[in-house]
PDB file of N, CA and C in Angstrom:
ATOM      1  N   UNK A   1       0.843  -1.182   0.000  1.00  0.00           N
ATOM      2  CA  UNK A   1       0.000   0.000   0.000  1.00  0.00           C
ATOM      3  C   UNK A   1       0.886   1.242   0.000  1.00  0.00           C
ATOM      4  N   UNK A   2       0.522   2.222  -0.801  1.00  0.00           N
ATOM      5  CA  UNK A   2       1.294   3.452  -0.908  1.00  0.00           C
ATOM      6  C   UNK A   2       1.224   4.256   0.386  1.00  0.00           C
ATOM      7  N   UNK A   3       2.324   4.923   0.680  1.00  0.00           N
ATOM      8  CA  UNK A   3       2.397   5.776   1.862  1.00  0.00           C
ATOM      9  C   UNK A   3       2.824   7.177   1.445  1.00  0.00           C
ATOM     10  N   UNK A   4       2.876   8.066   2.421  1.00  0.00           N
ATOM     11  CA  UNK A   4       3.319   9.430   2.178  1.00  0.00           C
ATOM     12  C   UNK A   4       4.773   9.426   1.717  1.00  0.00           C
ATOM     13  N   UNK A   5       5.120  10.340   0.848  1.00  0.00           N
ATOM     14  CA  UNK A   5       6.479  10.414   0.321  1.00  0.00           C
ATOM     15  C   UNK A   5       7.471  10.660   1.453  1.00  0.00           C
ATOM     16  N   UNK A   6       8.452   9.748   1.634  1.00  0.00           N
ATOM     17  CA  UNK A   6       9.424   9.911   2.719  1.00  0.00           C
ATOM     18  C   UNK A   6      10.410  11.055   2.485  1.00  0.00           C
ATOM     19  N   UNK A   7      10.396  11.636   1.290  1.00  0.00           N
ATOM     20  CA  UNK A   7      11.305  12.735   0.974  1.00  0.00           C
ATOM     21  C   UNK A   7      10.598  14.090   1.000  1.00  0.00           C
ATOM     22  N   UNK A   8       9.435  14.162   1.651  1.00  0.00           N
ATOM     23  CA  UNK A   8       8.672  15.418   1.653  1.00  0.00           C
ATOM     24  C   UNK A   8       9.448  16.574   2.283  1.00  0.00           C
ATOM     25  N   UNK A   9      10.453  16.269   3.097  1.00  0.00           N
ATOM     26  CA  UNK A   9      11.227  17.339   3.747  1.00  0.00           C
ATOM     27  C   UNK A   9      12.086  18.119   2.756  1.00  0.00           C
ATOM     28  N   UNK A  10      12.348  17.552   1.573  1.00  0.00           N
ATOM     29  CA  UNK A  10      13.158  18.276   0.587  1.00  0.00           C
ATOM     30  C   UNK A  10      12.287  18.856  -0.530  1.00  0.00           C
ATOM     31  N   UNK A  11      10.969  18.835  -0.349  1.00  0.00           N
ATOM     32  CA  UNK A  11      10.052  19.432  -1.312  1.00  0.00           C
ATOM     33  C   UNK A  11      10.098  20.948  -1.146  1.00  0.00           C
ATOM     34  N   UNK A  12      10.490  21.628  -2.192  1.00  0.00           N
ATOM     35  CA  UNK A  12      10.649  23.087  -2.159  1.00  0.00           C
ATOM     36  C   UNK A  12       9.664  23.737  -3.127  1.00  0.00           C
ATOM     37  N   UNK A  13       9.447  25.025  -2.938  1.00  0.00           N
ATOM     38  CA  UNK A  13       8.568  25.805  -3.802  1.00  0.00           C
ATOM     39  C   UNK A  13       9.404  26.729  -4.665  1.00  0.00           C
ATOM     40  N   UNK A  14       9.115  26.753  -5.955  1.00  0.00           N
ATOM     41  CA  UNK A  14       9.781  27.666  -6.873  1.00  0.00           C
ATOM     42  C   UNK A  14       8.928  28.928  -6.946  1.00  0.00           C
ATOM     43  N   UNK A  15       9.433  29.976  -6.306  1.00  0.00           N
ATOM     44  CA  UNK A  15       8.677  31.227  -6.176  1.00  0.00           C
ATOM     45  C   UNK A  15       8.790  32.084  -7.433  1.00  0.00           C
ATOM     46  N   UNK A  16       7.727  32.790  -7.748  1.00  0.00           N
ATOM     47  CA  UNK A  16       7.747  33.791  -8.810  1.00  0.00           C
ATOM     48  C   UNK A  16       8.315  35.079  -8.231  1.00  0.00           C
ATOM     49  N   UNK A  17       9.051  35.858  -9.023  1.00  0.00           N
ATOM     50  CA  UNK A  17       9.611  37.111  -8.507  1.00  0.00           C
ATOM     51  C   UNK A  17       8.545  38.091  -8.020  1.00  0.00           C
ATOM     52  N   UNK A  18       7.367  38.067  -8.647  1.00  0.00           N
ATOM     53  CA  UNK A  18       6.312  39.012  -8.274  1.00  0.00           C
ATOM     54  C   UNK A  18       5.301  38.410  -7.302  1.00  0.00           C
ATOM     55  N   UNK A  19       5.655  37.311  -6.669  1.00  0.00           N
ATOM     56  CA  UNK A  19       4.753  36.643  -5.733  1.00  0.00           C
ATOM     57  C   UNK A  19       4.108  35.426  -6.368  1.00  0.00           C
ATOM     58  N   UNK A  20       3.591  34.590  -5.548  1.00  0.00           N
ATOM     59  CA  UNK A  20       3.009  33.348  -6.056  1.00  0.00           C
ATOM     60  C   UNK A  20       4.086  32.297  -6.263  1.00  0.00           C
ATOM     61  N   UNK A  21       3.718  31.246  -6.950  1.00  0.00           N
ATOM     62  CA  UNK A  21       4.689  30.183  -7.170  1.00  0.00           C
ATOM     63  C   UNK A  21       4.512  29.560  -8.545  1.00  0.00           C
ATOM     64  N   UNK A  22       5.636  29.092  -9.097  1.00  0.00           N
ATOM     65  CA  UNK A  22       5.616  28.367 -10.362  1.00  0.00           C
ATOM     66  C   UNK A  22       5.207  26.919 -10.132  1.00  0.00           C
ATOM     67  N   UNK A  23       5.618  26.380  -9.000  1.00  0.00           N
ATOM     68  CA  UNK A  23       5.332  24.984  -8.702  1.00  0.00           C
ATOM     69  C   UNK A  23       6.248  24.479  -7.608  1.00  0.00           C
ATOM     70  N   UNK A  24       6.282  23.179  -7.430  1.00  0.00           N
ATOM     71  CA  UNK A  24       7.106  22.565  -6.392  1.00  0.00           C
ATOM     72  C   UNK A  24       8.074  21.586  -7.041  1.00  0.00           C
ATOM     73  N   UNK A  25       9.192  21.358  -6.371  1.00  0.00           N
ATOM     74  CA  UNK A  25      10.203  20.427  -6.864  1.00  0.00           C
ATOM     75  C   UNK A  25      10.931  19.822  -5.679  1.00  0.00           C
ATOM     76  N   UNK A  26      11.555  18.681  -5.906  1.00  0.00           N
ATOM     77  CA  UNK A  26      12.360  18.029  -4.873  1.00  0.00           C
ATOM     78  C   UNK A  26      13.805  18.456  -5.071  1.00  0.00           C
ATOM     79  N   UNK A  27      14.370  19.101  -4.073  1.00  0.00           N
ATOM     80  CA  UNK A  27      15.722  19.649  -4.138  1.00  0.00           C
ATOM     81  C   UNK A  27      16.757  18.562  -3.863  1.00  0.00           C
ATOM     82  N   UNK A  28      17.495  18.157  -4.888  1.00  0.00           N
ATOM     83  CA  UNK A  28      18.535  17.144  -4.705  1.00  0.00           C
ATOM     84  C   UNK A  28      19.650  17.623  -3.775  1.00  0.00           C
ATOM     85  N   UNK A  29      20.112  18.887  -3.870  1.00  0.00           N
ATOM     86  CA  UNK A  29      21.146  19.336  -2.924  1.00  0.00           C
ATOM     87  C   UNK A  29      20.700  19.255  -1.464  1.00  0.00           C
ATOM     88  N   UNK A  30      19.397  19.346  -1.215  1.00  0.00           N
ATOM     89  CA  UNK A  30      18.894  19.280   0.160  1.00  0.00           C
ATOM     90  C   UNK A  30      19.103  17.902   0.784  1.00  0.00           C
ATOM     91  N   UNK A  31      19.417  16.899  -0.032  1.00  0.00           N
ATOM     92  CA  UNK A  31      19.715  15.571   0.509  1.00  0.00           C
ATOM     93  C   UNK A  31      21.073  15.535   1.212  1.00  0.00           C
ATOM     94  N   UNK A  32      21.930  16.527   0.923  1.00  0.00           N
ATOM     95  CA  UNK A  32      23.265  16.618   1.532  1.00  0.00           C
ATOM     96  C   UNK A  32      24.055  15.325   1.364  1.00  0.00           C
ATOM     97  N   UNK A  33      24.045  14.788   0.151  1.00  0.00           N
ATOM     98  CA  UNK A  33      24.794  13.565  -0.149  1.00  0.00           C
ATOM     99  C   UNK A  33      25.827  13.896  -1.223  1.00  0.00           C
ATOM    100  N   UNK A  34      27.127  13.808  -0.909  1.00  0.00           N
ATOM    101  CA  UNK A  34      28.160  14.190  -1.878  1.00  0.00           C
ATOM    102  C   UNK A  34      28.164  13.331  -3.145  1.00  0.00           C
ATOM    103  N   UNK A  35      27.575  12.167  -3.113  1.00  0.00           N
ATOM    104  CA  UNK A  35      27.535  11.311  -4.304  1.00  0.00           C
ATOM    105  C   UNK A  35      26.682  11.927  -5.407  1.00  0.00           C
ATOM    106  N   UNK A  36      25.719  12.741  -5.030  1.00  0.00           N
ATOM    107  CA  UNK A  36      24.829  13.344  -6.025  1.00  0.00           C
ATOM    108  C   UNK A  36      25.601  14.270  -6.953  1.00  0.00           C
ATOM    109  N   UNK A  37      26.596  14.977  -6.431  1.00  0.00           N
ATOM    110  CA  UNK A  37      27.397  15.890  -7.255  1.00  0.00           C
ATOM    111  C   UNK A  37      28.161  15.157  -8.350  1.00  0.00           C
ATOM    112  N   UNK A  38      28.441  13.883  -8.158  1.00  0.00           N
ATOM    113  CA  UNK A  38      29.206  13.105  -9.139  1.00  0.00           C
ATOM    114  C   UNK A  38      28.314  12.378 -10.148  1.00  0.00           C
ATOM    115  N   UNK A  39      27.015  12.476  -9.983  1.00  0.00           N
ATOM    116  CA  UNK A  39      26.103  11.788 -10.902  1.00  0.00           C
ATOM    117  C   UNK A  39      26.024  12.515 -12.239  1.00  0.00           C
ATOM    118  N   UNK A  40      25.987  11.763 -13.347  1.00  0.00           N
ATOM    119  CA  UNK A  40      25.721  12.406 -14.638  1.00  0.00           C
ATOM    120  C   UNK A  40      24.336  13.057 -14.622  1.00  0.00           C
ATOM    121  N   UNK A  41      24.176  14.080 -15.443  1.00  0.00           N
ATOM    122  CA  UNK A  41      22.922  14.830 -15.463  1.00  0.00           C
ATOM    123  C   UNK A  41      21.719  13.913 -15.707  1.00  0.00           C
ATOM    124  N   UNK A  42      21.847  12.987 -16.647  1.00  0.00           N
ATOM    125  CA  UNK A  42      20.722  12.097 -16.966  1.00  0.00           C
ATOM    126  C   UNK A  42      20.327  11.229 -15.769  1.00  0.00           C
ATOM    127  N   UNK A  43      21.295  10.828 -14.961  1.00  0.00           N
ATOM    128  CA  UNK A  43      21.009  10.013 -13.782  1.00  0.00           C
ATOM    129  C   UNK A  43      20.345  10.878 -12.709  1.00  0.00           C
ATOM    130  N   UNK A  44      20.711  12.155 -12.649  1.00  0.00           N
ATOM    131  CA  UNK A  44      20.046  13.068 -11.701  1.00  0.00           C
ATOM    132  C   UNK A  44      18.565  13.218 -12.043  1.00  0.00           C
ATOM    133  N   UNK A  45      18.251  13.221 -13.332  1.00  0.00           N
ATOM    134  CA  UNK A  45      16.848  13.301 -13.755  1.00  0.00           C
ATOM    135  C   UNK A  45      16.096  12.062 -13.270  1.00  0.00           C
ATOM    136  N   UNK A  46      16.709  10.886 -13.437  1.00  0.00           N
ATOM    137  CA  UNK A  46      16.095   9.648 -12.938  1.00  0.00           C
ATOM    138  C   UNK A  46      15.928   9.690 -11.423  1.00  0.00           C
ATOM    139  N   UNK A  47      16.934  10.246 -10.735  1.00  0.00           N
ATOM    140  CA  UNK A  47      16.881  10.347  -9.275  1.00  0.00           C
ATOM    141  C   UNK A  47      15.724  11.237  -8.838  1.00  0.00           C
ATOM    142  N   UNK A  48      15.592  12.398  -9.462  1.00  0.00           N
ATOM    143  CA  UNK A  48      14.501  13.313  -9.092  1.00  0.00           C
ATOM    144  C   UNK A  48      13.146  12.655  -9.327  1.00  0.00           C
ATOM    145  N   UNK A  49      13.026  11.923 -10.418  1.00  0.00           N
ATOM    146  CA  UNK A  49      11.772  11.226 -10.710  1.00  0.00           C
ATOM    147  C   UNK A  49      11.475  10.163  -9.657  1.00  0.00           C
ATOM    148  N   UNK A  50      12.493   9.403  -9.273  1.00  0.00           N
ATOM    149  CA  UNK A  50      12.297   8.362  -8.254  1.00  0.00           C
ATOM    150  C   UNK A  50      11.906   8.978  -6.918  1.00  0.00           C
ATOM    151  N   UNK A  51      12.556  10.087  -6.554  1.00  0.00           N
ATOM    152  CA  UNK A  51      12.224  10.761  -5.294  1.00  0.00           C
ATOM    153  C   UNK A  51      10.796  11.301  -5.347  1.00  0.00           C
ATOM    154  N   UNK A  52      10.434  11.927  -6.466  1.00  0.00           N
ATOM    155  CA  UNK A  52       9.096  12.506  -6.611  1.00  0.00           C
ATOM    156  C   UNK A  52       8.008  11.439  -6.508  1.00  0.00           C
ATOM    157  N   UNK A  53       8.300  10.244  -6.993  1.00  0.00           N
ATOM    158  CA  UNK A  53       7.308   9.169  -7.018  1.00  0.00           C
ATOM    159  C   UNK A  53       7.463   8.163  -5.889  1.00  0.00           C
ATOM    160  N   UNK A  54       8.363   8.422  -4.952  1.00  0.00           N
ATOM    161  CA  UNK A  54       8.621   7.467  -3.871  1.00  0.00           C
ATOM    162  C   UNK A  54       7.390   7.360  -2.970  1.00  0.00           C
ATOM    163  N   UNK A  55       6.844   6.160  -2.918  1.00  0.00           N
ATOM    164  CA  UNK A  55       5.649   5.922  -2.105  1.00  0.00           C
ATOM    165  C   UNK A  55       5.772   4.636  -1.285  1.00  0.00           C
ATOM    166  N   UNK A  56       6.952   4.034  -1.304  1.00  0.00           N
ATOM    167  CA  UNK A  56       7.223   2.774  -0.597  1.00  0.00           C
ATOM    168  C   UNK A  56       6.328   1.632  -1.077  1.00  0.00           C
ATOM    169  N   UNK A  57       5.744   1.798  -2.266  1.00  0.00           N
ATOM    170  CA  UNK A  57       4.954   0.727  -2.867  1.00  0.00           C
ATOM    171  C   UNK A  57       5.533   0.410  -4.242  1.00  0.00           C
ATOM    172  N   UNK A  58       5.372   1.349  -5.173  1.00  0.00           N
ATOM    173  CA  UNK A  58       5.964   1.158  -6.497  1.00  0.00           C
ATOM    174  C   UNK A  58       7.412   1.621  -6.527  1.00  0.00           C
ATOM    175  N   UNK A  59       7.698   2.709  -5.858  1.00  0.00           N
ATOM    176  CA  UNK A  59       9.064   3.236  -5.771  1.00  0.00           C
ATOM    177  C   UNK A  59       9.441   3.271  -4.303  1.00  0.00           C
ATOM    178  N   UNK A  60      10.511   2.589  -3.976  1.00  0.00           N
ATOM    179  CA  UNK A  60      10.933   2.459  -2.578  1.00  0.00           C
ATOM    180  C   UNK A  60      12.204   3.258  -2.316  1.00  0.00           C
ATOM    181  N   UNK A  61      12.486   3.512  -1.041  1.00  0.00           N
ATOM    182  CA  UNK A  61      13.702   4.232  -0.667  1.00  0.00           C
ATOM    183  C   UNK A  61      14.929   3.497  -1.183  1.00  0.00           C
ATOM    184  N   UNK A  62      14.911   2.172  -1.176  1.00  0.00           N
ATOM    185  CA  UNK A  62      16.070   1.411  -1.662  1.00  0.00           C
ATOM    186  C   UNK A  62      16.291   1.651  -3.156  1.00  0.00           C
ATOM    187  N   UNK A  63      15.231   1.943  -3.913  1.00  0.00           N
ATOM    188  CA  UNK A  63      15.381   2.284  -5.328  1.00  0.00           C
ATOM    189  C   UNK A  63      16.096   3.623  -5.477  1.00  0.00           C
ATOM    190  N   UNK A  64      15.726   4.574  -4.636  1.00  0.00           N
ATOM    191  CA  UNK A  64      16.386   5.881  -4.641  1.00  0.00           C
ATOM    192  C   UNK A  64      17.862   5.705  -4.288  1.00  0.00           C
ATOM    193  N   UNK A  65      18.154   4.882  -3.308  1.00  0.00           N
ATOM    194  CA  UNK A  65      19.542   4.634  -2.898  1.00  0.00           C
ATOM    195  C   UNK A  65      20.345   3.987  -4.025  1.00  0.00           C
ATOM    196  N   UNK A  66      19.743   3.098  -4.787  1.00  0.00           N
ATOM    197  CA  UNK A  66      20.436   2.481  -5.926  1.00  0.00           C
ATOM    198  C   UNK A  66      20.866   3.539  -6.935  1.00  0.00           C
ATOM    199  N   UNK A  67      20.003   4.520  -7.153  1.00  0.00           N
ATOM    200  CA  UNK A  67      20.331   5.578  -8.110  1.00  0.00           C
ATOM    201  C   UNK A  67      21.412   6.490  -7.541  1.00  0.00           C
ATOM    202  N   UNK A  68      21.299   6.871  -6.287  1.00  0.00           N
ATOM    203  CA  UNK A  68      22.324   7.718  -5.668  1.00  0.00           C
ATOM    204  C   UNK A  68      23.674   7.015  -5.698  1.00  0.00           C
ATOM    205  N   UNK A  69      23.679   5.704  -5.509  1.00  0.00           N
ATOM    206  CA  UNK A  69      24.920   4.922  -5.493  1.00  0.00           C
ATOM    207  C   UNK A  69      25.259   4.408  -6.896  1.00  0.00           C
ATOM    208  N   UNK A  70      24.932   5.173  -7.901  1.00  0.00           N
ATOM    209  CA  UNK A  70      25.102   4.804  -9.298  1.00  0.00           C
ATOM    210  C   UNK A  70      26.525   4.361  -9.623  1.00  0.00           C
ATOM    211  N   UNK A  71      27.529   4.997  -9.042  1.00  0.00           N
ATOM    212  CA  UNK A  71      28.922   4.616  -9.339  1.00  0.00           C
ATOM    213  C   UNK A  71      29.174   3.149  -9.016  1.00  0.00           C
ATOM    214  N   UNK A  72      28.569   2.642  -7.966  1.00  0.00           N
ATOM    215  CA  UNK A  72      28.760   1.247  -7.582  1.00  0.00           C
ATOM    216  C   UNK A  72      27.739   0.309  -8.216  1.00  0.00           C
ATOM    217  N   UNK A  73      26.538   0.799  -8.479  1.00  0.00           N
ATOM    218  CA  UNK A  73      25.501  -0.087  -9.019  1.00  0.00           C
ATOM    219  C   UNK A  73      25.499  -0.133 -10.539  1.00  0.00           C
ATOM    220  N   UNK A  74      26.127   0.845 -11.211  1.00  0.00           N
ATOM    221  CA  UNK A  74      26.072   0.872 -12.678  1.00  0.00           C
ATOM    222  C   UNK A  74      26.704  -0.351 -13.338  1.00  0.00           C
ATOM    223  N   UNK A  75      27.791  -0.941 -12.800  1.00  0.00           N
ATOM    224  CA  UNK A  75      28.323  -2.148 -13.449  1.00  0.00           C
ATOM    225  C   UNK A  75      27.406  -3.363 -13.282  1.00  0.00           C
ATOM    226  N   UNK A  76      26.523  -3.322 -12.316  1.00  0.00           N
ATOM    227  CA  UNK A  76      25.619  -4.439 -12.053  1.00  0.00           C
ATOM    228  C   UNK A  76      24.314  -4.220 -12.815  1.00  0.00           C
ATOM    229  N   UNK A  77      23.553  -5.246 -12.923  1.00  0.00           N
ATOM    230  CA  UNK A  77      22.224  -5.102 -13.513  1.00  0.00           C
ATOM    231  C   UNK A  77      21.216  -4.995 -12.380  1.00  0.00           C
ATOM    232  N   UNK A  78      20.824  -3.770 -12.078  1.00  0.00           N
ATOM    233  CA  UNK A  78      19.822  -3.545 -11.041  1.00  0.00           C
ATOM    234  C   UNK A  78      18.605  -2.893 -11.693  1.00  0.00           C
ATOM    235  N   UNK A  79      17.467  -3.205 -11.175  1.00  0.00           N
ATOM    236  CA  UNK A  79      16.239  -2.611 -11.689  1.00  0.00           C
ATOM    237  C   UNK A  79      15.856  -1.411 -10.847  1.00  0.00           C
ATOM    238  N   UNK A  80      15.401  -0.383 -11.545  1.00  0.00           N
ATOM    239  CA  UNK A  80      14.841   0.783 -10.867  1.00  0.00           C
ATOM    240  C   UNK A  80      13.515   1.101 -11.559  1.00  0.00           C
ATOM    241  N   UNK A  81      12.549   1.586 -10.831  1.00  0.00           N
ATOM    242  CA  UNK A  81      11.280   1.951 -11.464  1.00  0.00           C
ATOM    243  C   UNK A  81      11.461   3.203 -12.322  1.00  0.00           C
ATOM    244  N   UNK A  82      10.835   3.210 -13.458  1.00  0.00           N
ATOM    245  CA  UNK A  82      10.917   4.354 -14.366  1.00  0.00           C
ATOM    246  C   UNK A  82       9.505   4.862 -14.585  1.00  0.00           C
ATOM    247  N   UNK A  83       9.238   6.057 -14.072  1.00  0.00           N
ATOM    248  CA  UNK A  83       7.899   6.635 -14.167  1.00  0.00           C
ATOM    249  C   UNK A  83       8.010   8.035 -14.766  1.00  0.00           C
ATOM    250  N   UNK A  84       8.190   8.115 -16.077  1.00  0.00           N
ATOM    251  CA  UNK A  84       8.319   9.440 -16.684  1.00  0.00           C
ATOM    252  C   UNK A  84       7.030  10.235 -16.529  1.00  0.00           C
ATOM    253  N   UNK A  85       7.184  11.482 -16.140  1.00  0.00           N
ATOM    254  CA  UNK A  85       6.007  12.326 -15.946  1.00  0.00           C
ATOM    255  C   UNK A  85       6.224  13.730 -16.490  1.00  0.00           C
ATOM    256  N   UNK A  86       7.465  14.124 -16.580  1.00  0.00           N
ATOM    257  CA  UNK A  86       7.749  15.485 -17.041  1.00  0.00           C
ATOM    258  C   UNK A  86       8.580  15.399 -18.306  1.00  0.00           C
ATOM    259  N   UNK A  87       8.069  15.985 -19.366  1.00  0.00           N
ATOM    260  CA  UNK A  87       8.797  15.997 -20.622  1.00  0.00           C
ATOM    261  C   UNK A  87       8.896  17.446 -21.069  1.00  0.00           C
ATOM    262  N   UNK A  88      10.114  17.884 -21.296  1.00  0.00           N
ATOM    263  CA  UNK A  88      10.348  19.233 -21.788  1.00  0.00           C
ATOM    264  C   UNK A  88      10.893  19.121 -23.198  1.00  0.00           C
ATOM    265  N   UNK A  89      10.270  19.788 -24.122  1.00  0.00           N
ATOM    266  CA  UNK A  89      10.720  19.775 -25.499  1.00  0.00           C
ATOM    267  C   UNK A  89      11.247  21.147 -25.864  1.00  0.00           C
ATOM    268  N   UNK A  90      12.377  21.142 -26.552  1.00  0.00           N
ATOM    269  CA  UNK A  90      12.946  22.407 -26.995  1.00  0.00           C
ATOM    270  C   UNK A  90      12.315  22.763 -28.332  1.00  0.00           C
ATOM    271  N   UNK A  91      11.754  23.937 -28.407  1.00  0.00           N
ATOM    272  CA  UNK A  91      11.198  24.423 -29.663  1.00  0.00           C
ATOM    273  C   UNK A  91      12.250  25.331 -30.268  1.00  0.00           C
ATOM    274  N   UNK A  92      12.696  24.962 -31.454  1.00  0.00           N
ATOM    275  CA  UNK A  92      13.786  25.705 -32.070  1.00  0.00           C
ATOM    276  C   UNK A  92      13.365  26.106 -33.486  1.00  0.00           C
ATOM    277  N   UNK A  93      12.606  27.172 -33.569  1.00  0.00           N
ATOM    278  CA  UNK A  93      12.202  27.659 -34.873  1.00  0.00           C
ATOM    279  C   UNK A  93      12.199  29.179 -34.837  1.00  0.00           C
ATOM    280  N   UNK A  94      12.294  29.764 -36.010  1.00  0.00           N
ATOM    281  CA  UNK A  94      12.326  31.218 -36.137  1.00  0.00           C
ATOM    282  C   UNK A  94      11.092  31.642 -36.922  1.00  0.00           C
ATOM    283  N   UNK A  95      10.393  32.622 -36.426  1.00  0.00           N
ATOM    284  CA  UNK A  95       9.237  33.174 -37.127  1.00  0.00           C
ATOM    285  C   UNK A  95       9.702  34.427 -37.845  1.00  0.00           C
ATOM    286  N   UNK A  96       9.443  34.480 -39.142  1.00  0.00           N
ATOM    287  CA  UNK A  96       9.863  35.651 -39.939  1.00  0.00           C
ATOM    288  C   UNK A  96       8.733  36.610 -40.100  1.00  0.00           C
TER     289      UNK A  96
END
């Protein structure tokens, strides 16, 4: 059964300069884990997704730890849940 996100303490609000908010995000630096600084950018995206979806049912804390410990787990075949939810597309066109 799903539970409350165990990483709710690192949930931050992205404030608008004129007040209000753009939204919320999970701050990876707030984890205070030096291994995160050594992660490739693509692995950080997977980490943020795992943290955002951590419910101790489909995504567990041990899954998050596997991603944080990527340097040691990457040579092994370990499974991590993949729950894509945010897709950003770059629009690169010029209007004349």
